[in-house]
Amino acid sequence: MSNTVVLDVDGTLVDTNYHHTVAWLRAFRSLDITVPGWKVHRSIGMGGDKLVAAVAGDTVERSHGDDLRTAWERYFDEVLDEIQPFEGAHRLIRAATDLGLAVVLASSGKRKHVEHYLKLLDPGDIEWTSSDDVDGSKPEPDLIQVALDKAKATRAVMIGDSIWDCEAAGRAGLPSIGLLSGGFGEEELVDRGASAVYADLDRLRAELNDLPFAEAGEPNA
């Protein structure tokens, strides 16, 4: 079985984290709920099913969670055409497949959003996920397991931009690699389990042969 690269999408391959932050802030304000922008940004990377409670508390989630997620989707759709891939995204995927590595995109984004990203990335014939595939989002490991199942993989490494990616990988028993593109610091990513952190995708691409692939299994210590 080929070694598999499990790639996060938002904030890792496409530059969306700050669009997500603004869309969530507009959603909260549309319901007259004030939350600090930094706290929203720090929660980007976990799924919308968890973000509301993480940012505004369980009471807001119970009272307004579904309405906030509907509003977020509306505001995010408005800026979707502004989103661009990060420099080197297509080159990274192409280089990985040229090396004989399997690649699967592990996104918990809306299916329509992931399909838009695929048009931007032109990744070829590879497996991918969306929020339709799981009930629990990152930092739960469900999405990674679905990605592994789709790629028919057991030996893999997770690459992502957020502490939630690293935590989800650890819960799935996989090593992780961090990228600074999501706005999290190197020390934070390492503290959550990243074995290495890169400033950009081209630097990561140059070291694909050194990725720490491992068998999925018991959570990492």
N, C-alpha and C. Protein backbone atom coordinates (compact mmCIF):
# COMPACT_ATOMS: atom_id res chain seq x y z
N MET A 1 0.85 -1.20 0.00
CA MET A 1 0.00 0.00 0.00
C MET A 1 0.88 1.24 0.00
N SER A 2 0.56 2.23 -0.85
CA SER A 2 1.34 3.46 -0.95
C SER A 2 1.23 4.28 0.32
N ASN A 3 2.31 4.99 0.63
CA ASN A 3 2.21 6.01 1.66
C ASN A 3 1.23 7.07 1.21
N THR A 4 0.45 7.59 2.14
CA THR A 4 -0.63 8.53 1.80
C THR A 4 -0.42 9.86 2.49
N VAL A 5 -0.55 10.93 1.73
CA VAL A 5 -0.52 12.29 2.26
C VAL A 5 -1.96 12.75 2.44
N VAL A 6 -2.36 12.97 3.69
CA VAL A 6 -3.69 13.49 4.00
C VAL A 6 -3.57 15.00 4.13
N LEU A 7 -4.15 15.71 3.18
CA LEU A 7 -3.99 17.16 3.11
C LEU A 7 -5.25 17.89 3.55
N ASP A 8 -5.12 18.73 4.56
CA ASP A 8 -6.18 19.69 4.85
C ASP A 8 -6.30 20.64 3.65
N VAL A 9 -7.42 21.31 3.53
CA VAL A 9 -7.64 22.19 2.38
C VAL A 9 -7.70 23.66 2.79
N ASP A 10 -8.72 24.04 3.57
CA ASP A 10 -8.85 25.44 3.99
C ASP A 10 -7.67 25.87 4.84
N GLY A 11 -6.99 26.92 4.41
CA GLY A 11 -5.86 27.43 5.17
C GLY A 11 -4.56 26.71 4.89
N THR A 12 -4.65 25.57 4.19
CA THR A 12 -3.46 24.79 3.85
C THR A 12 -3.17 24.87 2.36
N LEU A 13 -4.16 24.59 1.55
CA LEU A 13 -4.01 24.67 0.09
C LEU A 13 -4.66 25.92 -0.50
N VAL A 14 -5.73 26.39 0.13
CA VAL A 14 -6.40 27.61 -0.33
C VAL A 14 -6.45 28.62 0.81
N ASP A 15 -6.28 29.89 0.45
CA ASP A 15 -6.12 30.96 1.44
C ASP A 15 -7.49 31.47 1.88
N THR A 16 -8.09 30.76 2.85
CA THR A 16 -9.47 31.05 3.24
C THR A 16 -9.67 31.46 4.69
N ASN A 17 -8.66 31.30 5.54
CA ASN A 17 -8.92 31.44 6.97
C ASN A 17 -9.45 32.81 7.36
N TYR A 18 -8.96 33.85 6.72
CA TYR A 18 -9.41 35.19 7.10
C TYR A 18 -10.77 35.50 6.47
N HIS A 19 -11.06 34.89 5.33
CA HIS A 19 -12.42 35.00 4.79
C HIS A 19 -13.41 34.33 5.73
N HIS A 20 -13.03 33.15 6.25
CA HIS A 20 -13.89 32.46 7.21
C HIS A 20 -14.10 33.32 8.47
N THR A 21 -13.03 33.93 8.93
CA THR A 21 -13.12 34.76 10.14
C THR A 21 -14.11 35.90 9.94
N VAL A 22 -13.99 36.60 8.84
CA VAL A 22 -14.88 37.74 8.57
C VAL A 22 -16.32 37.25 8.39
N ALA A 23 -16.50 36.13 7.70
CA ALA A 23 -17.86 35.61 7.50
C ALA A 23 -18.50 35.24 8.83
N TRP A 24 -17.74 34.63 9.73
CA TRP A 24 -18.28 34.30 11.05
C TRP A 24 -18.59 35.56 11.86
N LEU A 25 -17.71 36.54 11.81
CA LEU A 25 -17.97 37.77 12.54
C LEU A 25 -19.25 38.44 12.04
N ARG A 26 -19.45 38.47 10.74
CA ARG A 26 -20.67 39.05 10.17
C ARG A 26 -21.89 38.25 10.58
N ALA A 27 -21.74 36.92 10.66
CA ALA A 27 -22.86 36.08 11.08
C ALA A 27 -23.25 36.39 12.52
N PHE A 28 -22.27 36.48 13.42
CA PHE A 28 -22.57 36.81 14.81
C PHE A 28 -23.21 38.19 14.92
N ARG A 29 -22.68 39.15 14.21
CA ARG A 29 -23.21 40.51 14.31
C ARG A 29 -24.60 40.62 13.72
N SER A 30 -24.91 39.76 12.72
CA SER A 30 -26.24 39.79 12.13
C SER A 30 -27.31 39.39 13.14
N LEU A 31 -26.89 38.69 14.21
CA LEU A 31 -27.81 38.31 15.28
C LEU A 31 -27.54 39.10 16.55
N ASP A 32 -26.85 40.23 16.38
CA ASP A 32 -26.55 41.14 17.51
C ASP A 32 -25.76 40.44 18.61
N ILE A 33 -24.85 39.55 18.20
CA ILE A 33 -23.94 38.88 19.13
C ILE A 33 -22.54 39.39 18.85
N THR A 34 -21.90 39.93 19.86
CA THR A 34 -20.56 40.49 19.70
C THR A 34 -19.52 39.52 20.25
N VAL A 35 -18.59 39.13 19.41
CA VAL A 35 -17.49 38.26 19.82
C VAL A 35 -16.20 38.87 19.28
N PRO A 36 -15.07 38.65 19.95
CA PRO A 36 -13.81 39.22 19.47
C PRO A 36 -13.28 38.50 18.25
N GLY A 37 -12.77 39.27 17.29
CA GLY A 37 -12.28 38.69 16.05
C GLY A 37 -11.14 37.70 16.28
N TRP A 38 -10.27 37.98 17.23
CA TRP A 38 -9.14 37.08 17.46
C TRP A 38 -9.61 35.70 17.90
N LYS A 39 -10.70 35.68 18.68
CA LYS A 39 -11.20 34.41 19.18
C LYS A 39 -11.81 33.58 18.05
N VAL A 40 -12.46 34.26 17.11
CA VAL A 40 -12.99 33.56 15.94
C VAL A 40 -11.84 32.98 15.12
N HIS A 41 -10.83 33.83 14.86
CA HIS A 41 -9.70 33.35 14.07
C HIS A 41 -9.03 32.15 14.71
N ARG A 42 -8.89 32.18 16.02
CA ARG A 42 -8.23 31.09 16.73
C ARG A 42 -9.03 29.79 16.67
N SER A 43 -10.29 29.88 16.30
CA SER A 43 -11.14 28.69 16.21
C SER A 43 -11.32 28.18 14.79
N ILE A 44 -10.81 28.93 13.81
CA ILE A 44 -10.92 28.48 12.43
C ILE A 44 -10.08 27.22 12.26
N GLY A 45 -10.67 26.23 11.63
CA GLY A 45 -10.01 24.93 11.49
C GLY A 45 -10.81 23.84 12.16
N MET A 46 -11.54 24.21 13.22
CA MET A 46 -12.51 23.27 13.76
C MET A 46 -13.80 23.45 12.97
N GLY A 47 -14.65 22.47 13.00
CA GLY A 47 -15.87 22.55 12.21
C GLY A 47 -16.86 23.54 12.78
N GLY A 48 -17.78 23.99 11.92
CA GLY A 48 -18.81 24.92 12.35
C GLY A 48 -19.71 24.35 13.43
N ASP A 49 -19.78 23.02 13.51
CA ASP A 49 -20.59 22.39 14.55
C ASP A 49 -20.00 22.61 15.94
N LYS A 50 -18.71 22.96 15.98
CA LYS A 50 -18.05 23.20 17.26
C LYS A 50 -17.68 24.66 17.48
N LEU A 51 -17.55 25.41 16.40
CA LEU A 51 -17.00 26.77 16.50
C LEU A 51 -17.88 27.70 17.31
N VAL A 52 -19.18 27.65 17.14
CA VAL A 52 -20.07 28.58 17.82
C VAL A 52 -19.91 28.47 19.33
N ALA A 53 -19.95 27.26 19.85
CA ALA A 53 -19.79 27.07 21.29
C ALA A 53 -18.41 27.48 21.75
N ALA A 54 -17.39 27.18 20.94
CA ALA A 54 -16.02 27.52 21.30
C ALA A 54 -15.83 29.03 21.40
N VAL A 55 -16.51 29.76 20.53
CA VAL A 55 -16.34 31.22 20.48
C VAL A 55 -17.28 31.94 21.43
N ALA A 56 -18.53 31.51 21.47
CA ALA A 56 -19.56 32.27 22.18
C ALA A 56 -20.22 31.53 23.33
N GLY A 57 -19.90 30.25 23.52
CA GLY A 57 -20.46 29.52 24.64
C GLY A 57 -21.62 28.62 24.26
N ASP A 58 -21.92 27.69 25.15
CA ASP A 58 -22.95 26.69 24.89
C ASP A 58 -24.35 27.29 24.80
N THR A 59 -24.62 28.36 25.55
CA THR A 59 -25.95 28.98 25.51
C THR A 59 -26.25 29.55 24.14
N VAL A 60 -25.26 30.24 23.55
CA VAL A 60 -25.43 30.79 22.20
C VAL A 60 -25.60 29.65 21.19
N GLU A 61 -24.84 28.59 21.37
CA GLU A 61 -24.97 27.44 20.46
C GLU A 61 -26.39 26.87 20.52
N ARG A 62 -26.92 26.70 21.73
CA ARG A 62 -28.27 26.13 21.84
C ARG A 62 -29.32 27.05 21.26
N SER A 63 -29.15 28.34 21.45
CA SER A 63 -30.19 29.30 21.04
C SER A 63 -30.07 29.71 19.57
N HIS A 64 -28.83 29.79 19.07
CA HIS A 64 -28.62 30.41 17.76
C HIS A 64 -27.69 29.63 16.83
N GLY A 65 -27.22 28.46 17.26
CA GLY A 65 -26.20 27.75 16.48
C GLY A 65 -26.55 27.54 15.02
N ASP A 66 -27.71 27.01 14.75
CA ASP A 66 -28.10 26.73 13.36
C ASP A 66 -28.27 28.01 12.56
N ASP A 67 -28.84 29.05 13.17
CA ASP A 67 -29.00 30.32 12.47
C ASP A 67 -27.64 30.95 12.15
N LEU A 68 -26.70 30.82 13.07
CA LEU A 68 -25.36 31.37 12.84
C LEU A 68 -24.65 30.64 11.70
N ARG A 69 -24.80 29.33 11.66
CA ARG A 69 -24.16 28.58 10.59
C ARG A 69 -24.78 28.91 9.23
N THR A 70 -26.09 29.13 9.21
CA THR A 70 -26.75 29.53 7.97
C THR A 70 -26.26 30.90 7.52
N ALA A 71 -26.14 31.82 8.48
CA ALA A 71 -25.65 33.16 8.15
C ALA A 71 -24.20 33.13 7.70
N TRP A 72 -23.38 32.33 8.41
CA TRP A 72 -21.97 32.20 7.98
C TRP A 72 -21.89 31.73 6.54
N GLU A 73 -22.66 30.73 6.17
CA GLU A 73 -22.61 30.21 4.81
C GLU A 73 -22.97 31.30 3.80
N ARG A 74 -23.97 32.09 4.13
CA ARG A 74 -24.38 33.17 3.22
C ARG A 74 -23.25 34.18 3.03
N TYR A 75 -22.63 34.60 4.14
CA TYR A 75 -21.56 35.59 4.05
C TYR A 75 -20.32 35.01 3.38
N PHE A 76 -20.03 33.74 3.63
CA PHE A 76 -18.85 33.15 3.01
C PHE A 76 -19.06 32.98 1.51
N ASP A 77 -20.26 32.62 1.11
CA ASP A 77 -20.56 32.49 -0.32
C ASP A 77 -20.30 33.81 -1.05
N GLU A 78 -20.51 34.93 -0.36
CA GLU A 78 -20.33 36.24 -0.98
C GLU A 78 -18.87 36.52 -1.34
N VAL A 79 -17.94 35.88 -0.64
CA VAL A 79 -16.51 36.15 -0.89
C VAL A 79 -15.81 34.96 -1.55
N LEU A 80 -16.57 33.94 -1.91
CA LEU A 80 -15.96 32.72 -2.43
C LEU A 80 -15.12 32.99 -3.67
N ASP A 81 -15.57 33.88 -4.54
CA ASP A 81 -14.84 34.15 -5.78
C ASP A 81 -13.54 34.91 -5.53
N GLU A 82 -13.34 35.44 -4.32
CA GLU A 82 -12.09 36.13 -4.00
C GLU A 82 -10.97 35.17 -3.61
N ILE A 83 -11.32 33.95 -3.31
CA ILE A 83 -10.36 33.00 -2.74
C ILE A 83 -9.42 32.46 -3.82
N GLN A 84 -8.15 32.33 -3.44
CA GLN A 84 -7.14 31.82 -4.35
C GLN A 84 -6.33 30.71 -3.66
N PRO A 85 -5.76 29.80 -4.44
CA PRO A 85 -4.88 28.80 -3.84
C PRO A 85 -3.60 29.47 -3.34
N PHE A 86 -2.97 28.86 -2.36
CA PHE A 86 -1.66 29.32 -1.95
C PHE A 86 -0.65 29.00 -3.04
N GLU A 87 0.37 29.82 -3.14
CA GLU A 87 1.47 29.56 -4.06
C GLU A 87 2.06 28.18 -3.75
N GLY A 88 2.16 27.37 -4.78
CA GLY A 88 2.77 26.05 -4.62
C GLY A 88 1.79 24.93 -4.35
N ALA A 89 0.50 25.23 -4.22
CA ALA A 89 -0.47 24.18 -3.87
C ALA A 89 -0.53 23.09 -4.94
N HIS A 90 -0.70 23.50 -6.19
CA HIS A 90 -0.77 22.52 -7.27
C HIS A 90 0.56 21.77 -7.40
N ARG A 91 1.67 22.50 -7.26
CA ARG A 91 2.99 21.86 -7.38
C ARG A 91 3.20 20.81 -6.30
N LEU A 92 2.71 21.08 -5.09
CA LEU A 92 2.86 20.11 -4.00
C LEU A 92 2.12 18.81 -4.31
N ILE A 93 0.86 18.94 -4.73
CA ILE A 93 0.06 17.76 -5.04
C ILE A 93 0.69 16.98 -6.19
N ARG A 94 1.11 17.69 -7.22
CA ARG A 94 1.72 17.04 -8.39
C ARG A 94 3.01 16.33 -7.99
N ALA A 95 3.83 16.98 -7.18
CA ALA A 95 5.10 16.38 -6.75
C ALA A 95 4.86 15.12 -5.93
N ALA A 96 3.86 15.17 -5.06
CA ALA A 96 3.56 14.00 -4.23
C ALA A 96 3.13 12.82 -5.09
N THR A 97 2.26 13.06 -6.04
CA THR A 97 1.80 11.96 -6.90
C THR A 97 2.93 11.46 -7.81
N ASP A 98 3.80 12.36 -8.26
CA ASP A 98 4.94 11.95 -9.09
C ASP A 98 5.89 11.05 -8.32
N LEU A 99 5.94 11.22 -6.99
CA LEU A 99 6.79 10.39 -6.14
C LEU A 99 6.14 9.05 -5.82
N GLY A 100 4.91 8.86 -6.29
CA GLY A 100 4.20 7.61 -6.02
C GLY A 100 3.42 7.62 -4.73
N LEU A 101 3.27 8.80 -4.13
CA LEU A 101 2.48 8.92 -2.92
C LEU A 101 1.00 9.06 -3.28
N ALA A 102 0.15 8.47 -2.48
CA ALA A 102 -1.29 8.72 -2.63
C ALA A 102 -1.63 10.02 -1.93
N VAL A 103 -2.56 10.77 -2.47
CA VAL A 103 -2.98 12.04 -1.88
C VAL A 103 -4.48 12.03 -1.70
N VAL A 104 -4.94 12.45 -0.53
CA VAL A 104 -6.37 12.60 -0.28
C VAL A 104 -6.58 13.93 0.42
N LEU A 105 -7.56 14.69 -0.04
CA LEU A 105 -7.87 15.99 0.55
C LEU A 105 -8.90 15.81 1.65
N ALA A 106 -8.54 16.18 2.87
CA ALA A 106 -9.42 15.96 4.03
C ALA A 106 -10.00 17.29 4.46
N SER A 107 -11.12 17.65 3.87
CA SER A 107 -11.80 18.91 4.19
C SER A 107 -13.14 18.64 4.86
N SER A 108 -13.44 19.45 5.88
CA SER A 108 -14.76 19.39 6.49
C SER A 108 -15.62 20.56 6.02
N GLY A 109 -15.19 21.19 4.91
CA GLY A 109 -15.97 22.27 4.34
C GLY A 109 -17.23 21.78 3.65
N LYS A 110 -18.10 22.71 3.35
CA LYS A 110 -19.29 22.38 2.58
C LYS A 110 -18.89 21.78 1.22
N ARG A 111 -19.67 20.82 0.77
CA ARG A 111 -19.33 20.16 -0.49
C ARG A 111 -19.19 21.16 -1.64
N LYS A 112 -20.09 22.12 -1.71
CA LYS A 112 -20.03 23.09 -2.81
C LYS A 112 -18.76 23.93 -2.74
N HIS A 113 -18.28 24.19 -1.52
CA HIS A 113 -17.05 24.95 -1.37
C HIS A 113 -15.85 24.12 -1.78
N VAL A 114 -15.83 22.85 -1.36
CA VAL A 114 -14.71 21.97 -1.74
C VAL A 114 -14.66 21.81 -3.25
N GLU A 115 -15.82 21.67 -3.87
CA GLU A 115 -15.85 21.53 -5.33
C GLU A 115 -15.28 22.78 -6.00
N HIS A 116 -15.55 23.94 -5.43
CA HIS A 116 -14.97 25.19 -5.96
C HIS A 116 -13.45 25.17 -5.82
N TYR A 117 -12.96 24.72 -4.66
CA TYR A 117 -11.51 24.65 -4.45
C TYR A 117 -10.85 23.69 -5.42
N LEU A 118 -11.52 22.59 -5.71
CA LEU A 118 -10.95 21.61 -6.63
C LEU A 118 -10.74 22.22 -8.02
N LYS A 119 -11.65 23.08 -8.44
CA LYS A 119 -11.49 23.75 -9.73
C LYS A 119 -10.27 24.66 -9.70
N LEU A 120 -10.02 25.30 -8.55
CA LEU A 120 -8.86 26.19 -8.42
C LEU A 120 -7.56 25.41 -8.36
N LEU A 121 -7.58 24.26 -7.68
CA LEU A 121 -6.36 23.51 -7.43
C LEU A 121 -5.98 22.59 -8.57
N ASP A 122 -6.97 22.11 -9.32
CA ASP A 122 -6.73 21.16 -10.41
C ASP A 122 -5.83 20.01 -9.93
N PRO A 123 -6.29 19.26 -8.92
CA PRO A 123 -5.41 18.26 -8.30
C PRO A 123 -5.34 16.93 -9.03
N GLY A 124 -6.10 16.77 -10.09
CA GLY A 124 -6.14 15.47 -10.77
C GLY A 124 -7.15 14.55 -10.10
N ASP A 125 -7.04 13.30 -10.41
CA ASP A 125 -8.01 12.30 -9.94
C ASP A 125 -7.59 11.79 -8.56
N ILE A 126 -7.96 12.52 -7.52
CA ILE A 126 -7.63 12.10 -6.16
C ILE A 126 -8.90 12.12 -5.32
N GLU A 127 -8.85 11.40 -4.21
CA GLU A 127 -9.99 11.34 -3.31
C GLU A 127 -10.08 12.62 -2.47
N TRP A 128 -11.31 12.93 -2.02
CA TRP A 128 -11.49 14.11 -1.17
C TRP A 128 -12.73 13.93 -0.32
N THR A 129 -12.82 14.72 0.73
CA THR A 129 -13.94 14.65 1.65
C THR A 129 -14.60 16.02 1.78
N SER A 130 -15.78 16.00 2.39
CA SER A 130 -16.47 17.24 2.73
C SER A 130 -17.25 17.00 4.02
N SER A 131 -17.96 18.02 4.48
CA SER A 131 -18.73 17.89 5.71
C SER A 131 -19.84 16.85 5.58
N ASP A 132 -20.21 16.51 4.35
CA ASP A 132 -21.24 15.49 4.14
C ASP A 132 -20.80 14.11 4.62
N ASP A 133 -19.49 13.92 4.77
CA ASP A 133 -18.95 12.59 5.05
C ASP A 133 -18.87 12.24 6.53
N VAL A 134 -19.02 13.24 7.41
CA VAL A 134 -18.84 12.98 8.84
C VAL A 134 -19.88 13.71 9.68
N ASP A 135 -20.10 13.20 10.88
CA ASP A 135 -20.94 13.89 11.85
C ASP A 135 -20.11 14.80 12.75
N GLY A 136 -18.91 14.35 13.11
CA GLY A 136 -18.05 15.12 13.99
C GLY A 136 -16.86 15.67 13.25
N SER A 137 -16.59 16.97 13.41
CA SER A 137 -15.50 17.63 12.68
C SER A 137 -14.25 17.73 13.56
N LYS A 138 -13.17 18.23 12.97
CA LYS A 138 -11.93 18.41 13.71
C LYS A 138 -12.19 19.30 14.94
N PRO A 139 -11.55 18.98 16.06
CA PRO A 139 -10.41 18.09 16.23
C PRO A 139 -10.74 16.61 16.43
N GLU A 140 -11.99 16.21 16.25
CA GLU A 140 -12.30 14.79 16.26
C GLU A 140 -11.59 14.12 15.07
N PRO A 141 -11.22 12.86 15.18
CA PRO A 141 -10.46 12.20 14.12
C PRO A 141 -11.30 11.62 13.00
N ASP A 142 -12.64 11.79 13.06
CA ASP A 142 -13.54 11.13 12.11
C ASP A 142 -13.18 11.42 10.66
N LEU A 143 -12.90 12.69 10.36
CA LEU A 143 -12.64 13.09 8.98
C LEU A 143 -11.38 12.43 8.45
N ILE A 144 -10.37 12.32 9.28
CA ILE A 144 -9.13 11.67 8.85
C ILE A 144 -9.39 10.20 8.56
N GLN A 145 -10.18 9.56 9.38
CA GLN A 145 -10.48 8.15 9.15
C GLN A 145 -11.25 7.97 7.85
N VAL A 146 -12.19 8.85 7.57
CA VAL A 146 -12.92 8.78 6.30
C VAL A 146 -11.97 8.97 5.13
N ALA A 147 -11.05 9.94 5.27
CA ALA A 147 -10.07 10.18 4.21
C ALA A 147 -9.21 8.95 3.96
N LEU A 148 -8.76 8.31 5.04
CA LEU A 148 -7.96 7.10 4.91
C LEU A 148 -8.75 5.98 4.24
N ASP A 149 -10.01 5.86 4.63
CA ASP A 149 -10.86 4.83 4.02
C ASP A 149 -11.04 5.07 2.53
N LYS A 150 -11.24 6.34 2.15
CA LYS A 150 -11.44 6.64 0.73
C LYS A 150 -10.19 6.35 -0.08
N ALA A 151 -9.02 6.58 0.53
CA ALA A 151 -7.77 6.32 -0.16
C ALA A 151 -7.30 4.89 0.00
N LYS A 152 -8.08 4.09 0.77
CA LYS A 152 -7.70 2.71 1.08
C LYS A 152 -6.29 2.66 1.66
N ALA A 153 -6.06 3.56 2.62
CA ALA A 153 -4.72 3.73 3.18
C ALA A 153 -4.70 3.39 4.67
N THR A 154 -3.58 2.91 5.12
CA THR A 154 -3.35 2.71 6.55
C THR A 154 -2.09 3.45 7.00
N ARG A 155 -1.18 3.70 6.08
CA ARG A 155 0.09 4.35 6.40
C ARG A 155 0.07 5.76 5.83
N ALA A 156 0.14 6.77 6.69
CA ALA A 156 -0.11 8.12 6.21
C ALA A 156 0.52 9.16 7.12
N VAL A 157 0.43 10.42 6.67
CA VAL A 157 0.80 11.57 7.47
C VAL A 157 -0.21 12.67 7.17
N MET A 158 -0.54 13.47 8.17
CA MET A 158 -1.49 14.58 8.03
C MET A 158 -0.73 15.88 7.86
N ILE A 159 -1.16 16.70 6.91
CA ILE A 159 -0.57 18.03 6.71
C ILE A 159 -1.67 19.07 6.84
N GLY A 160 -1.48 20.03 7.74
CA GLY A 160 -2.50 21.04 7.96
C GLY A 160 -1.93 22.32 8.52
N ASP A 161 -2.78 23.32 8.64
CA ASP A 161 -2.34 24.64 9.06
C ASP A 161 -2.76 25.01 10.47
N SER A 162 -3.59 24.18 11.11
CA SER A 162 -4.15 24.58 12.40
C SER A 162 -3.82 23.58 13.49
N ILE A 163 -3.93 24.04 14.72
CA ILE A 163 -3.74 23.14 15.86
C ILE A 163 -4.79 22.05 15.85
N TRP A 164 -5.94 22.33 15.25
CA TRP A 164 -7.02 21.34 15.20
C TRP A 164 -6.67 20.20 14.25
N ASP A 165 -5.95 20.50 13.17
CA ASP A 165 -5.47 19.44 12.28
C ASP A 165 -4.50 18.52 13.02
N CYS A 166 -3.56 19.14 13.73
CA CYS A 166 -2.55 18.35 14.45
C CYS A 166 -3.20 17.50 15.54
N GLU A 167 -4.18 18.08 16.24
CA GLU A 167 -4.85 17.33 17.29
C GLU A 167 -5.66 16.18 16.72
N ALA A 168 -6.35 16.42 15.61
CA ALA A 168 -7.13 15.35 14.98
C ALA A 168 -6.22 14.22 14.51
N ALA A 169 -5.07 14.58 13.95
CA ALA A 169 -4.12 13.56 13.51
C ALA A 169 -3.66 12.72 14.69
N GLY A 170 -3.34 13.37 15.79
CA GLY A 170 -2.90 12.64 16.97
C GLY A 170 -3.97 11.69 17.48
N ARG A 171 -5.23 12.13 17.45
CA ARG A 171 -6.32 11.26 17.89
C ARG A 171 -6.51 10.07 16.96
N ALA A 172 -6.10 10.26 15.69
CA ALA A 172 -6.19 9.16 14.72
C ALA A 172 -4.94 8.29 14.74
N GLY A 173 -3.98 8.65 15.58
CA GLY A 173 -2.75 7.88 15.65
C GLY A 173 -1.77 8.16 14.53
N LEU A 174 -1.92 9.33 13.87
CA LEU A 174 -1.04 9.68 12.76
C LEU A 174 -0.11 10.83 13.14
N PRO A 175 1.09 10.87 12.55
CA PRO A 175 1.94 12.05 12.70
C PRO A 175 1.37 13.20 11.88
N SER A 176 1.81 14.41 12.19
CA SER A 176 1.32 15.57 11.46
C SER A 176 2.45 16.53 11.14
N ILE A 177 2.24 17.29 10.08
CA ILE A 177 3.14 18.36 9.64
C ILE A 177 2.33 19.64 9.64
N GLY A 178 2.91 20.71 10.17
CA GLY A 178 2.20 21.99 10.24
C GLY A 178 2.69 22.99 9.21
N LEU A 179 1.79 23.89 8.83
CA LEU A 179 2.11 25.02 7.97
C LEU A 179 1.70 26.30 8.68
N LEU A 180 2.46 27.37 8.46
CA LEU A 180 2.18 28.64 9.12
C LEU A 180 1.09 29.44 8.43
N SER A 181 0.55 28.93 7.34
CA SER A 181 -0.39 29.69 6.50
C SER A 181 -1.72 29.97 7.17
N GLY A 182 -2.05 29.26 8.25
CA GLY A 182 -3.33 29.49 8.90
C GLY A 182 -3.29 30.54 9.99
N GLY A 183 -2.08 31.00 10.34
CA GLY A 183 -1.97 32.03 11.37
C GLY A 183 -1.59 31.50 12.74
N PHE A 184 -1.43 30.19 12.88
CA PHE A 184 -0.95 29.63 14.14
C PHE A 184 0.57 29.62 14.13
N GLY A 185 1.16 29.78 15.32
CA GLY A 185 2.61 29.84 15.44
C GLY A 185 3.26 28.47 15.42
N GLU A 186 4.54 28.45 15.11
CA GLU A 186 5.28 27.19 15.03
C GLU A 186 5.24 26.44 16.36
N GLU A 187 5.47 27.14 17.46
CA GLU A 187 5.48 26.48 18.76
C GLU A 187 4.12 25.87 19.09
N GLU A 188 3.05 26.57 18.74
CA GLU A 188 1.71 26.05 18.99
C GLU A 188 1.46 24.75 18.23
N LEU A 189 1.86 24.74 16.97
CA LEU A 189 1.64 23.56 16.14
C LEU A 189 2.46 22.37 16.67
N VAL A 190 3.69 22.64 17.07
CA VAL A 190 4.53 21.58 17.62
C VAL A 190 3.94 21.06 18.93
N ASP A 191 3.46 21.97 19.77
CA ASP A 191 2.86 21.57 21.04
C ASP A 191 1.65 20.66 20.84
N ARG A 192 0.93 20.83 19.72
CA ARG A 192 -0.24 19.99 19.44
C ARG A 192 0.11 18.75 18.63
N GLY A 193 1.41 18.54 18.38
CA GLY A 193 1.80 17.27 17.78
C GLY A 193 2.55 17.33 16.47
N ALA A 194 2.68 18.51 15.85
CA ALA A 194 3.39 18.58 14.57
C ALA A 194 4.85 18.19 14.75
N SER A 195 5.34 17.30 13.89
CA SER A 195 6.73 16.90 13.97
C SER A 195 7.66 17.86 13.24
N ALA A 196 7.09 18.68 12.37
CA ALA A 196 7.84 19.72 11.67
C ALA A 196 6.85 20.78 11.22
N VAL A 197 7.34 22.00 11.03
CA VAL A 197 6.49 23.11 10.60
C VAL A 197 7.19 23.84 9.45
N TYR A 198 6.43 24.16 8.42
CA TYR A 198 6.98 24.83 7.24
C TYR A 198 6.29 26.17 7.03
N ALA A 199 7.07 27.10 6.48
CA ALA A 199 6.53 28.44 6.22
C ALA A 199 5.64 28.47 4.99
N ASP A 200 5.91 27.60 4.03
CA ASP A 200 5.11 27.60 2.80
C ASP A 200 5.16 26.24 2.14
N LEU A 201 4.33 26.07 1.13
CA LEU A 201 4.16 24.77 0.48
C LEU A 201 5.36 24.36 -0.35
N ASP A 202 6.06 25.31 -0.95
CA ASP A 202 7.22 24.95 -1.75
C ASP A 202 8.35 24.41 -0.88
N ARG A 203 8.51 24.96 0.31
CA ARG A 203 9.54 24.42 1.21
C ARG A 203 9.17 23.01 1.66
N LEU A 204 7.90 22.78 1.89
CA LEU A 204 7.45 21.44 2.23
C LEU A 204 7.67 20.48 1.06
N ARG A 205 7.35 20.95 -0.13
CA ARG A 205 7.50 20.11 -1.34
C ARG A 205 8.94 19.63 -1.49
N ALA A 206 9.90 20.47 -1.16
CA ALA A 206 11.31 20.11 -1.30
C ALA A 206 11.72 18.99 -0.35
N GLU A 207 10.90 18.71 0.66
CA GLU A 207 11.26 17.69 1.65
C GLU A 207 10.21 16.59 1.75
N LEU A 208 9.49 16.35 0.67
CA LEU A 208 8.46 15.31 0.68
C LEU A 208 9.03 13.94 0.99
N ASN A 209 10.26 13.70 0.58
CA ASN A 209 10.86 12.39 0.83
C ASN A 209 11.12 12.14 2.32
N ASP A 210 11.07 13.20 3.13
CA ASP A 210 11.37 13.06 4.55
C ASP A 210 10.13 13.03 5.43
N LEU A 211 8.95 12.94 4.83
CA LEU A 211 7.73 12.94 5.64
C LEU A 211 7.66 11.71 6.54
N PRO A 212 7.17 11.88 7.77
CA PRO A 212 7.17 10.78 8.74
C PRO A 212 5.92 9.90 8.67
N PHE A 213 5.78 9.12 7.61
CA PHE A 213 4.60 8.27 7.46
C PHE A 213 4.56 7.21 8.57
N ALA A 214 3.35 6.89 9.01
CA ALA A 214 3.18 5.88 10.06
C ALA A 214 1.84 5.19 9.87
N GLU A 215 1.73 4.02 10.46
CA GLU A 215 0.48 3.29 10.44
C GLU A 215 -0.53 3.96 11.37
N ALA A 216 -1.73 4.18 10.87
CA ALA A 216 -2.79 4.71 11.72
C ALA A 216 -3.11 3.68 12.79
N GLY A 217 -3.38 4.14 13.99
CA GLY A 217 -3.67 3.20 15.06
C GLY A 217 -3.96 3.92 16.35
N GLU A 218 -3.26 3.54 17.40
CA GLU A 218 -3.49 4.16 18.69
C GLU A 218 -3.06 5.61 18.66
N PRO A 219 -3.77 6.51 19.35
CA PRO A 219 -3.39 7.91 19.39
C PRO A 219 -1.95 8.10 19.85
N ASN A 220 -1.28 9.09 19.26
CA ASN A 220 0.09 9.39 19.65
C ASN A 220 0.12 9.97 21.05
N ALA A 221 1.21 9.75 21.72
CA ALA A 221 1.38 10.32 23.06
C ALA A 221 1.61 11.81 22.97
